[in-house]
Amino acid sequence: MRTARRGGEIRVAVRASSLPPGEMMIRSWRRRQQAP
């Protein structure tokens, strides 16, 4: 796990994040031609 050591950086303990449909398609290989 990387820490916020560089100037101007913060590290966030994530409580919520999104997984958009485009990324789900990448994970399922349905967009392998458009996004290798």
ModelCIF file with pLDDT and N, C-alpha, C, O atoms, coordinates in Angstrom:
data_MODEL
#
_entry.id   MODEL 
#
_entity.id                         1 
_entity.type                       polymer 
_entity.pdbx_number_of_molecules   1 
#
_entity_poly.entity_id                      1 
_entity_poly.type                           'polypeptide(L)' 
_entity_poly.nstd_linkage                   no 
_entity_poly.nstd_monomer                   no 
_entity_poly.pdbx_seq_one_letter_code       MRTARRGGEIRVAVRASSLPPGEMMIRSWRRRQQAP 
_entity_poly.pdbx_seq_one_letter_code_can   MRTARRGGEIRVAVRASSLPPGEMMIRSWRRRQQAP 
_entity_poly.pdbx_strand_id                 A 
#
loop_
_entity_poly_seq.entity_id 
_entity_poly_seq.num 
_entity_poly_seq.mon_id 
_entity_poly_seq.hetero 
1 1  MET n 
1 2  ARG n 
1 3  THR n 
1 4  ALA n 
1 5  ARG n 
1 6  ARG n 
1 7  GLY n 
1 8  GLY n 
1 9  GLU n 
1 10 ILE n 
1 11 ARG n 
1 12 VAL n 
1 13 ALA n 
1 14 VAL n 
1 15 ARG n 
1 16 ALA n 
1 17 SER n 
1 18 SER n 
1 19 LEU n 
1 20 PRO n 
1 21 PRO n 
1 22 GLY n 
1 23 GLU n 
1 24 MET n 
1 25 MET n 
1 26 ILE n 
1 27 ARG n 
1 28 SER n 
1 29 TRP n 
1 30 ARG n 
1 31 ARG n 
1 32 ARG n 
1 33 GLN n 
1 34 GLN n 
1 35 ALA n 
1 36 PRO n 
#
_struct_asym.id          A 
_struct_asym.entity_id   1 
#
loop_
_ma_qa_metric.id 
_ma_qa_metric.mode 
_ma_qa_metric.name 
_ma_qa_metric.software_group_id 
_ma_qa_metric.type 
1 global pLDDT . pLDDT 
2 local  pLDDT . pLDDT 
#
_ma_qa_metric_global.metric_id      1 
_ma_qa_metric_global.metric_value   75.47 
_ma_qa_metric_global.model_id       1 
_ma_qa_metric_global.ordinal_id     1 
#
loop_
_ma_qa_metric_local.label_asym_id 
_ma_qa_metric_local.label_comp_id 
_ma_qa_metric_local.label_seq_id 
_ma_qa_metric_local.metric_id 
_ma_qa_metric_local.metric_value 
_ma_qa_metric_local.model_id 
_ma_qa_metric_local.ordinal_id 
A MET 1  2 53.00 1 1  
A ARG 2  2 59.00 1 2  
A THR 3  2 60.00 1 3  
A ALA 4  2 56.00 1 4  
A ARG 5  2 62.00 1 5  
A ARG 6  2 71.00 1 6  
A GLY 7  2 78.00 1 7  
A GLY 8  2 86.00 1 8  
A GLU 9  2 89.00 1 9  
A ILE 10 2 92.00 1 10 
A ARG 11 2 92.00 1 11 
A VAL 12 2 94.00 1 12 
A ALA 13 2 96.00 1 13 
A VAL 14 2 94.00 1 14 
A ARG 15 2 95.00 1 15 
A ALA 16 2 94.00 1 16 
A SER 17 2 90.00 1 17 
A SER 18 2 85.00 1 18 
A LEU 19 2 79.00 1 19 
A PRO 20 2 76.00 1 20 
A PRO 21 2 77.00 1 21 
A GLY 22 2 71.00 1 22 
A GLU 23 2 73.00 1 23 
A MET 24 2 74.00 1 24 
A MET 25 2 73.00 1 25 
A ILE 26 2 70.00 1 26 
A ARG 27 2 68.00 1 27 
A SER 28 2 71.00 1 28 
A TRP 29 2 67.00 1 29 
A ARG 30 2 69.00 1 30 
A ARG 31 2 66.00 1 31 
A ARG 32 2 67.00 1 32 
A GLN 33 2 71.00 1 33 
A GLN 34 2 69.00 1 34 
A ALA 35 2 65.00 1 35 
A PRO 36 2 65.00 1 36 
#
loop_
_atom_site.group_PDB 
_atom_site.id 
_atom_site.type_symbol 
_atom_site.label_atom_id 
_atom_site.label_alt_id 
_atom_site.label_comp_id 
_atom_site.label_asym_id 
_atom_site.label_entity_id 
_atom_site.label_seq_id 
_atom_site.pdbx_PDB_ins_code 
_atom_site.Cartn_x 
_atom_site.Cartn_y 
_atom_site.Cartn_z 
_atom_site.occupancy 
_atom_site.B_iso_or_equiv 
_atom_site.pdbx_formal_charge 
_atom_site.auth_seq_id 
_atom_site.auth_comp_id 
_atom_site.auth_asym_id 
_atom_site.auth_atom_id 
_atom_site.pdbx_PDB_model_num 
ATOM 1   N N  . MET A 1 1  ? 0.836   -1.155  0.000   1.00 53.00 ? 1  MET A N  1 
ATOM 2   C CA . MET A 1 1  ? 0.000   0.000   0.000   1.00 53.00 ? 1  MET A CA 1 
ATOM 3   C C  . MET A 1 1  ? 0.894   1.235   0.000   1.00 53.00 ? 1  MET A C  1 
ATOM 4   O O  . MET A 1 1  ? 1.797   1.366   0.825   1.00 53.00 ? 1  MET A O  1 
ATOM 5   N N  . ARG A 1 2  ? 0.627   2.126   -0.930  1.00 59.00 ? 2  ARG A N  1 
ATOM 6   C CA . ARG A 1 2  ? 1.414   3.352   -1.031  1.00 59.00 ? 2  ARG A CA 1 
ATOM 7   C C  . ARG A 1 2  ? 0.957   4.386   -0.028  1.00 59.00 ? 2  ARG A C  1 
ATOM 8   O O  . ARG A 1 2  ? -0.227  4.460   0.301   1.00 59.00 ? 2  ARG A O  1 
ATOM 9   N N  . THR A 1 3  ? 1.874   5.170   0.451   1.00 60.00 ? 3  THR A N  1 
ATOM 10  C CA . THR A 1 3  ? 1.532   6.240   1.385   1.00 60.00 ? 3  THR A CA 1 
ATOM 11  C C  . THR A 1 3  ? 1.640   7.589   0.688   1.00 60.00 ? 3  THR A C  1 
ATOM 12  O O  . THR A 1 3  ? 2.215   7.699   -0.395  1.00 60.00 ? 3  THR A O  1 
ATOM 13  N N  . ALA A 1 4  ? 1.083   8.606   1.322   1.00 56.00 ? 4  ALA A N  1 
ATOM 14  C CA . ALA A 1 4  ? 1.106   9.970   0.763   1.00 56.00 ? 4  ALA A CA 1 
ATOM 15  C C  . ALA A 1 4  ? 2.399   10.643  1.181   1.00 56.00 ? 4  ALA A C  1 
ATOM 16  O O  . ALA A 1 4  ? 2.410   11.449  2.111   1.00 56.00 ? 4  ALA A O  1 
ATOM 17  N N  . ARG A 1 5  ? 3.467   10.324  0.513   1.00 62.00 ? 5  ARG A N  1 
ATOM 18  C CA . ARG A 1 5  ? 4.778   10.857  0.876   1.00 62.00 ? 5  ARG A CA 1 
ATOM 19  C C  . ARG A 1 5  ? 5.182   12.050  0.007   1.00 62.00 ? 5  ARG A C  1 
ATOM 20  O O  . ARG A 1 5  ? 6.011   12.863  0.415   1.00 62.00 ? 5  ARG A O  1 
ATOM 21  N N  . ARG A 1 6  ? 4.608   12.155  -1.171  1.00 71.00 ? 6  ARG A N  1 
ATOM 22  C CA . ARG A 1 6  ? 4.959   13.273  -2.043  1.00 71.00 ? 6  ARG A CA 1 
ATOM 23  C C  . ARG A 1 6  ? 4.238   14.529  -1.596  1.00 71.00 ? 6  ARG A C  1 
ATOM 24  O O  . ARG A 1 6  ? 3.154   14.467  -1.017  1.00 71.00 ? 6  ARG A O  1 
ATOM 25  N N  . GLY A 1 7  ? 4.843   15.651  -1.867  1.00 78.00 ? 7  GLY A N  1 
ATOM 26  C CA . GLY A 1 7  ? 4.206   16.919  -1.547  1.00 78.00 ? 7  GLY A CA 1 
ATOM 27  C C  . GLY A 1 7  ? 2.884   17.075  -2.278  1.00 78.00 ? 7  GLY A C  1 
ATOM 28  O O  . GLY A 1 7  ? 2.772   16.743  -3.458  1.00 78.00 ? 7  GLY A O  1 
ATOM 29  N N  . GLY A 1 8  ? 1.890   17.579  -1.572  1.00 86.00 ? 8  GLY A N  1 
ATOM 30  C CA . GLY A 1 8  ? 0.598   17.826  -2.187  1.00 86.00 ? 8  GLY A CA 1 
ATOM 31  C C  . GLY A 1 8  ? -0.300  16.616  -2.305  1.00 86.00 ? 8  GLY A C  1 
ATOM 32  O O  . GLY A 1 8  ? -1.371  16.720  -2.903  1.00 86.00 ? 8  GLY A O  1 
ATOM 33  N N  . GLU A 1 9  ? 0.087   15.466  -1.761  1.00 89.00 ? 9  GLU A N  1 
ATOM 34  C CA . GLU A 1 9  ? -0.728  14.255  -1.848  1.00 89.00 ? 9  GLU A CA 1 
ATOM 35  C C  . GLU A 1 9  ? -1.487  14.010  -0.553  1.00 89.00 ? 9  GLU A C  1 
ATOM 36  O O  . GLU A 1 9  ? -1.040  14.374  0.535   1.00 89.00 ? 9  GLU A O  1 
ATOM 37  N N  . ILE A 1 10 ? -2.649  13.382  -0.704  1.00 92.00 ? 10 ILE A N  1 
ATOM 38  C CA . ILE A 1 10 ? -3.353  12.851  0.455   1.00 92.00 ? 10 ILE A CA 1 
ATOM 39  C C  . ILE A 1 10 ? -3.652  11.382  0.185   1.00 92.00 ? 10 ILE A C  1 
ATOM 40  O O  . ILE A 1 10 ? -3.741  10.953  -0.965  1.00 92.00 ? 10 ILE A O  1 
ATOM 41  N N  . ARG A 1 11 ? -3.805  10.625  1.255   1.00 92.00 ? 11 ARG A N  1 
ATOM 42  C CA . ARG A 1 11 ? -4.275  9.245   1.126   1.00 92.00 ? 11 ARG A CA 1 
ATOM 43  C C  . ARG A 1 11 ? -5.620  9.182   1.826   1.00 92.00 ? 11 ARG A C  1 
ATOM 44  O O  . ARG A 1 11 ? -5.800  9.732   2.913   1.00 92.00 ? 11 ARG A O  1 
ATOM 45  N N  . VAL A 1 12 ? -6.562  8.501   1.183   1.00 94.00 ? 12 VAL A N  1 
ATOM 46  C CA . VAL A 1 12 ? -7.924  8.413   1.684   1.00 94.00 ? 12 VAL A CA 1 
ATOM 47  C C  . VAL A 1 12 ? -8.244  6.969   2.032   1.00 94.00 ? 12 VAL A C  1 
ATOM 48  O O  . VAL A 1 12 ? -8.033  6.069   1.218   1.00 94.00 ? 12 VAL A O  1 
ATOM 49  N N  . ALA A 1 13 ? -8.750  6.745   3.230   1.00 96.00 ? 13 ALA A N  1 
ATOM 50  C CA . ALA A 1 13 ? -9.318  5.450   3.596   1.00 96.00 ? 13 ALA A CA 1 
ATOM 51  C C  . ALA A 1 13 ? -10.696 5.412   2.937   1.00 96.00 ? 13 ALA A C  1 
ATOM 52  O O  . ALA A 1 13 ? -11.608 6.122   3.360   1.00 96.00 ? 13 ALA A O  1 
ATOM 53  N N  . VAL A 1 14 ? -10.843 4.592   1.915   1.00 94.00 ? 14 VAL A N  1 
ATOM 54  C CA . VAL A 1 14 ? -12.036 4.599   1.067   1.00 94.00 ? 14 VAL A CA 1 
ATOM 55  C C  . VAL A 1 14 ? -13.230 3.992   1.805   1.00 94.00 ? 14 VAL A C  1 
ATOM 56  O O  . VAL A 1 14 ? -13.150 2.914   2.394   1.00 94.00 ? 14 VAL A O  1 
ATOM 57  N N  . ARG A 1 15 ? -14.337 4.731   1.745   1.00 95.00 ? 15 ARG A N  1 
ATOM 58  C CA . ARG A 1 15 ? -15.600 4.245   2.300   1.00 95.00 ? 15 ARG A CA 1 
ATOM 59  C C  . ARG A 1 15 ? -16.595 3.935   1.187   1.00 95.00 ? 15 ARG A C  1 
ATOM 60  O O  . ARG A 1 15 ? -17.500 3.122   1.373   1.00 95.00 ? 15 ARG A O  1 
ATOM 61  N N  . ALA A 1 16 ? -16.433 4.583   0.023   1.00 94.00 ? 16 ALA A N  1 
ATOM 62  C CA . ALA A 1 16 ? -17.318 4.345   -1.117  1.00 94.00 ? 16 ALA A CA 1 
ATOM 63  C C  . ALA A 1 16 ? -16.564 4.673   -2.399  1.00 94.00 ? 16 ALA A C  1 
ATOM 64  O O  . ALA A 1 16 ? -15.775 5.616   -2.444  1.00 94.00 ? 16 ALA A O  1 
ATOM 65  N N  . SER A 1 17 ? -16.815 3.889   -3.432  1.00 90.00 ? 17 SER A N  1 
ATOM 66  C CA . SER A 1 17 ? -16.261 4.162   -4.763  1.00 90.00 ? 17 SER A CA 1 
ATOM 67  C C  . SER A 1 17 ? -17.222 3.588   -5.788  1.00 90.00 ? 17 SER A C  1 
ATOM 68  O O  . SER A 1 17 ? -18.120 2.817   -5.450  1.00 90.00 ? 17 SER A O  1 
ATOM 69  N N  . SER A 1 18 ? -17.029 3.964   -7.030  1.00 85.00 ? 18 SER A N  1 
ATOM 70  C CA . SER A 1 18 ? -17.948 3.490   -8.064  1.00 85.00 ? 18 SER A CA 1 
ATOM 71  C C  . SER A 1 18 ? -17.252 2.510   -8.992  1.00 85.00 ? 18 SER A C  1 
ATOM 72  O O  . SER A 1 18 ? -16.025 2.459   -9.079  1.00 85.00 ? 18 SER A O  1 
ATOM 73  N N  . LEU A 1 19 ? -18.069 1.742   -9.674  1.00 79.00 ? 19 LEU A N  1 
ATOM 74  C CA . LEU A 1 19 ? -17.586 0.849   -10.721 1.00 79.00 ? 19 LEU A CA 1 
ATOM 75  C C  . LEU A 1 19 ? -18.494 1.073   -11.923 1.00 79.00 ? 19 LEU A C  1 
ATOM 76  O O  . LEU A 1 19 ? -19.527 0.416   -12.055 1.00 79.00 ? 19 LEU A O  1 
ATOM 77  N N  . PRO A 1 20 ? -18.107 2.011   -12.810 1.00 76.00 ? 20 PRO A N  1 
ATOM 78  C CA . PRO A 1 20 ? -18.963 2.348   -13.941 1.00 76.00 ? 20 PRO A CA 1 
ATOM 79  C C  . PRO A 1 20 ? -19.130 1.178   -14.916 1.00 76.00 ? 20 PRO A C  1 
ATOM 80  O O  . PRO A 1 20 ? -18.313 0.258   -14.936 1.00 76.00 ? 20 PRO A O  1 
ATOM 81  N N  . PRO A 1 21 ? -20.197 1.223   -15.724 1.00 77.00 ? 21 PRO A N  1 
ATOM 82  C CA . PRO A 1 21 ? -20.449 0.151   -16.687 1.00 77.00 ? 21 PRO A CA 1 
ATOM 83  C C  . PRO A 1 21 ? -19.274 -0.122  -17.629 1.00 77.00 ? 21 PRO A C  1 
ATOM 84  O O  . PRO A 1 21 ? -19.006 -1.275  -17.966 1.00 77.00 ? 21 PRO A O  1 
ATOM 85  N N  . GLY A 1 22 ? -18.574 0.933   -18.056 1.00 71.00 ? 22 GLY A N  1 
ATOM 86  C CA . GLY A 1 22 ? -17.431 0.730   -18.956 1.00 71.00 ? 22 GLY A CA 1 
ATOM 87  C C  . GLY A 1 22 ? -16.348 -0.121  -18.322 1.00 71.00 ? 22 GLY A C  1 
ATOM 88  O O  . GLY A 1 22 ? -15.756 -0.971  -18.987 1.00 71.00 ? 22 GLY A O  1 
ATOM 89  N N  . GLU A 1 23 ? -16.082 0.097   -17.047 1.00 73.00 ? 23 GLU A N  1 
ATOM 90  C CA . GLU A 1 23 ? -15.070 -0.708  -16.359 1.00 73.00 ? 23 GLU A CA 1 
ATOM 91  C C  . GLU A 1 23 ? -15.551 -2.139  -16.154 1.00 73.00 ? 23 GLU A C  1 
ATOM 92  O O  . GLU A 1 23 ? -14.754 -3.077  -16.202 1.00 73.00 ? 23 GLU A O  1 
ATOM 93  N N  . MET A 1 24 ? -16.857 -2.311  -15.926 1.00 74.00 ? 24 MET A N  1 
ATOM 94  C CA . MET A 1 24 ? -17.381 -3.680  -15.813 1.00 74.00 ? 24 MET A CA 1 
ATOM 95  C C  . MET A 1 24 ? -17.206 -4.424  -17.132 1.00 74.00 ? 24 MET A C  1 
ATOM 96  O O  . MET A 1 24 ? -16.910 -5.619  -17.143 1.00 74.00 ? 24 MET A O  1 
ATOM 97  N N  . MET A 1 25 ? -17.389 -3.712  -18.245 1.00 73.00 ? 25 MET A N  1 
ATOM 98  C CA . MET A 1 25 ? -17.195 -4.341  -19.552 1.00 73.00 ? 25 MET A CA 1 
ATOM 99  C C  . MET A 1 25 ? -15.733 -4.705  -19.777 1.00 73.00 ? 25 MET A C  1 
ATOM 100 O O  . MET A 1 25 ? -15.438 -5.746  -20.365 1.00 73.00 ? 25 MET A O  1 
ATOM 101 N N  . ILE A 1 26 ? -14.821 -3.860  -19.317 1.00 70.00 ? 26 ILE A N  1 
ATOM 102 C CA . ILE A 1 26 ? -13.399 -4.184  -19.436 1.00 70.00 ? 26 ILE A CA 1 
ATOM 103 C C  . ILE A 1 26 ? -13.094 -5.434  -18.621 1.00 70.00 ? 26 ILE A C  1 
ATOM 104 O O  . ILE A 1 26 ? -12.419 -6.339  -19.111 1.00 70.00 ? 26 ILE A O  1 
ATOM 105 N N  . ARG A 1 27 ? -13.581 -5.497  -17.386 1.00 68.00 ? 27 ARG A N  1 
ATOM 106 C CA . ARG A 1 27 ? -13.324 -6.647  -16.515 1.00 68.00 ? 27 ARG A CA 1 
ATOM 107 C C  . ARG A 1 27 ? -13.905 -7.936  -17.089 1.00 68.00 ? 27 ARG A C  1 
ATOM 108 O O  . ARG A 1 27 ? -13.341 -9.012  -16.888 1.00 68.00 ? 27 ARG A O  1 
ATOM 109 N N  . SER A 1 28 ? -15.022 -7.836  -17.799 1.00 71.00 ? 28 SER A N  1 
ATOM 110 C CA . SER A 1 28 ? -15.660 -9.033  -18.358 1.00 71.00 ? 28 SER A CA 1 
ATOM 111 C C  . SER A 1 28 ? -15.168 -9.354  -19.768 1.00 71.00 ? 28 SER A C  1 
ATOM 112 O O  . SER A 1 28 ? -15.659 -10.294 -20.392 1.00 71.00 ? 28 SER A O  1 
ATOM 113 N N  . TRP A 1 29 ? -14.220 -8.597  -20.270 1.00 67.00 ? 29 TRP A N  1 
ATOM 114 C CA . TRP A 1 29 ? -13.618 -8.768  -21.600 1.00 67.00 ? 29 TRP A CA 1 
ATOM 115 C C  . TRP A 1 29 ? -14.557 -8.377  -22.743 1.00 67.00 ? 29 TRP A C  1 
ATOM 116 O O  . TRP A 1 29 ? -14.215 -8.616  -23.901 1.00 67.00 ? 29 TRP A O  1 
ATOM 117 N N  . ARG A 1 30 ? -15.713 -7.794  -22.472 1.00 69.00 ? 30 ARG A N  1 
ATOM 118 C CA . ARG A 1 30 ? -16.619 -7.409  -23.555 1.00 69.00 ? 30 ARG A CA 1 
ATOM 119 C C  . ARG A 1 30 ? -16.112 -6.212  -24.349 1.00 69.00 ? 30 ARG A C  1 
ATOM 120 O O  . ARG A 1 30 ? -16.614 -5.953  -25.443 1.00 69.00 ? 30 ARG A O  1 
ATOM 121 N N  . ARG A 1 31 ? -15.135 -5.477  -23.834 1.00 66.00 ? 31 ARG A N  1 
ATOM 122 C CA . ARG A 1 31 ? -14.593 -4.323  -24.556 1.00 66.00 ? 31 ARG A CA 1 
ATOM 123 C C  . ARG A 1 31 ? -13.129 -4.529  -24.917 1.00 66.00 ? 31 ARG A C  1 
ATOM 124 O O  . ARG A 1 31 ? -12.388 -3.557  -25.067 1.00 66.00 ? 31 ARG A O  1 
ATOM 125 N N  . ARG A 1 32 ? -12.712 -5.751  -25.055 1.00 67.00 ? 32 ARG A N  1 
ATOM 126 C CA . ARG A 1 32 ? -11.287 -6.013  -25.299 1.00 67.00 ? 32 ARG A CA 1 
ATOM 127 C C  . ARG A 1 32 ? -10.781 -5.401  -26.601 1.00 67.00 ? 32 ARG A C  1 
ATOM 128 O O  . ARG A 1 32 ? -9.594  -5.095  -26.710 1.00 67.00 ? 32 ARG A O  1 
ATOM 129 N N  . GLN A 1 33 ? -11.655 -5.214  -27.594 1.00 71.00 ? 33 GLN A N  1 
ATOM 130 C CA . GLN A 1 33 ? -11.228 -4.595  -28.848 1.00 71.00 ? 33 GLN A CA 1 
ATOM 131 C C  . GLN A 1 33 ? -11.027 -3.082  -28.679 1.00 71.00 ? 33 GLN A C  1 
ATOM 132 O O  . GLN A 1 33 ? -10.062 -2.524  -29.202 1.00 71.00 ? 33 GLN A O  1 
ATOM 133 N N  . GLN A 1 34 ? -11.925 -2.427  -27.960 1.00 69.00 ? 34 GLN A N  1 
ATOM 134 C CA . GLN A 1 34 ? -11.846 -0.978  -27.777 1.00 69.00 ? 34 GLN A CA 1 
ATOM 135 C C  . GLN A 1 34 ? -10.850 -0.577  -26.691 1.00 69.00 ? 34 GLN A C  1 
ATOM 136 O O  . GLN A 1 34 ? -10.230 0.483   -26.778 1.00 69.00 ? 34 GLN A O  1 
ATOM 137 N N  . ALA A 1 35 ? -10.694 -1.413  -25.678 1.00 65.00 ? 35 ALA A N  1 
ATOM 138 C CA . ALA A 1 35 ? -9.839  -1.076  -24.539 1.00 65.00 ? 35 ALA A CA 1 
ATOM 139 C C  . ALA A 1 35 ? -8.991  -2.276  -24.143 1.00 65.00 ? 35 ALA A C  1 
ATOM 140 O O  . ALA A 1 35 ? -9.270  -2.930  -23.139 1.00 65.00 ? 35 ALA A O  1 
ATOM 141 N N  . PRO A 1 36 ? -7.947  -2.571  -24.935 1.00 65.00 ? 36 PRO A N  1 
ATOM 142 C CA . PRO A 1 36 ? -7.100  -3.711  -24.569 1.00 65.00 ? 36 PRO A CA 1 
ATOM 143 C C  . PRO A 1 36 ? -6.472  -3.484  -23.197 1.00 65.00 ? 36 PRO A C  1 
ATOM 144 O O  . PRO A 1 36 ? -5.724  -4.333  -22.712 1.00 65.00 ? 36 PRO A O  1 
#
